[in-house]
Amino acid sequence: MQYAQGGYEATFGRYEVDEANRTFTYHVEGGLVRSLVGKDLVRSFELRGNQLIVKSANPDEHWRVAWDHY
């Protein structure tokens, strides 16, 4: 089964931030990728200059996303 149609993944849900450990847990409540619904995904984050960098806390997953603020 293809994970995300055309490389697009859209989800929504609640999250809880653990500032001390620089992580947050994303509680997926719905989305296009049905296999993610109901999961609790732990993500690490880093603030670097004008960027927010997010990546999986799972060492087996090798991805990261960066958002710039101008």
Protein backbone atom coordinates (compact mmCIF):
# COMPACT_ATOMS: atom_id res chain seq x y z
CA MET A 1 0.00 0.00 0.00
CA GLN A 2 1.31 3.41 -0.93
CA TYR A 3 1.97 5.50 2.18
CA ALA A 4 1.09 8.93 0.85
CA GLN A 5 -0.58 9.64 -2.47
CA GLY A 6 1.83 11.65 -4.62
CA GLY A 7 4.05 12.40 -1.60
CA TYR A 8 1.31 14.27 0.24
CA GLU A 9 0.40 13.49 3.83
CA ALA A 10 -2.31 15.44 5.65
CA THR A 11 -3.27 14.76 9.26
CA PHE A 12 -4.82 16.58 12.17
CA GLY A 13 -4.90 16.09 15.91
CA ARG A 14 -3.80 17.23 19.35
CA TYR A 15 -0.27 17.48 20.62
CA GLU A 16 1.51 17.73 23.96
CA VAL A 17 4.86 19.51 24.29
CA ASP A 18 7.68 18.34 26.56
CA GLU A 19 9.89 21.44 26.58
CA ALA A 20 12.56 19.92 28.84
CA ASN A 21 13.23 17.08 26.38
CA ARG A 22 12.50 19.18 23.27
CA THR A 23 9.88 16.70 22.08
CA PHE A 24 6.17 16.68 21.43
CA THR A 25 3.67 13.86 21.08
CA TYR A 26 1.28 14.23 18.18
CA HIS A 27 -2.04 12.39 18.70
CA VAL A 28 -3.30 11.74 15.15
CA GLU A 29 -7.10 12.01 15.14
CA GLY A 30 -7.69 11.94 11.38
CA GLY A 31 -6.02 12.25 8.03
CA LEU A 32 -5.46 11.02 4.50
CA VAL A 33 -3.06 8.29 5.62
CA ARG A 34 -5.55 6.09 7.45
CA SER A 35 -2.82 3.90 9.02
CA LEU A 36 -1.70 6.90 11.12
CA VAL A 37 -5.12 7.59 12.65
CA GLY A 38 -5.13 6.74 16.36
CA LYS A 39 -1.33 6.75 16.68
CA ASP A 40 0.75 8.82 19.09
CA LEU A 41 3.84 10.03 17.23
CA VAL A 42 6.77 11.36 19.25
CA ARG A 43 8.73 14.08 17.45
CA SER A 44 11.80 16.04 18.46
CA PHE A 45 12.12 19.71 17.68
CA GLU A 46 14.84 22.31 17.49
CA LEU A 47 14.64 26.08 17.13
CA ARG A 48 17.58 27.34 15.09
CA GLY A 49 17.53 31.02 14.15
CA ASN A 50 14.33 31.54 12.16
CA GLN A 51 13.78 27.80 11.68
CA LEU A 52 11.69 25.17 13.43
CA ILE A 53 13.19 21.76 12.70
CA VAL A 54 11.09 18.65 13.41
CA LYS A 55 12.14 15.03 13.09
CA SER A 56 11.02 11.65 14.37
CA ALA A 57 12.24 10.59 17.80
CA ASN A 58 12.43 7.04 16.40
CA PRO A 59 16.08 6.38 15.40
CA ASP A 60 14.89 4.05 12.59
CA GLU A 61 13.13 6.92 10.79
CA HIS A 62 15.43 9.21 8.81
CA TRP A 63 13.56 12.36 7.86
CA ARG A 64 13.30 15.95 8.98
CA VAL A 65 11.20 18.98 8.12
CA ALA A 66 12.19 22.62 8.52
CA TRP A 67 9.91 25.65 8.53
CA ASP A 68 11.31 29.15 8.08
CA HIS A 69 9.84 32.27 9.68
CA TYR A 70 10.51 35.52 7.88
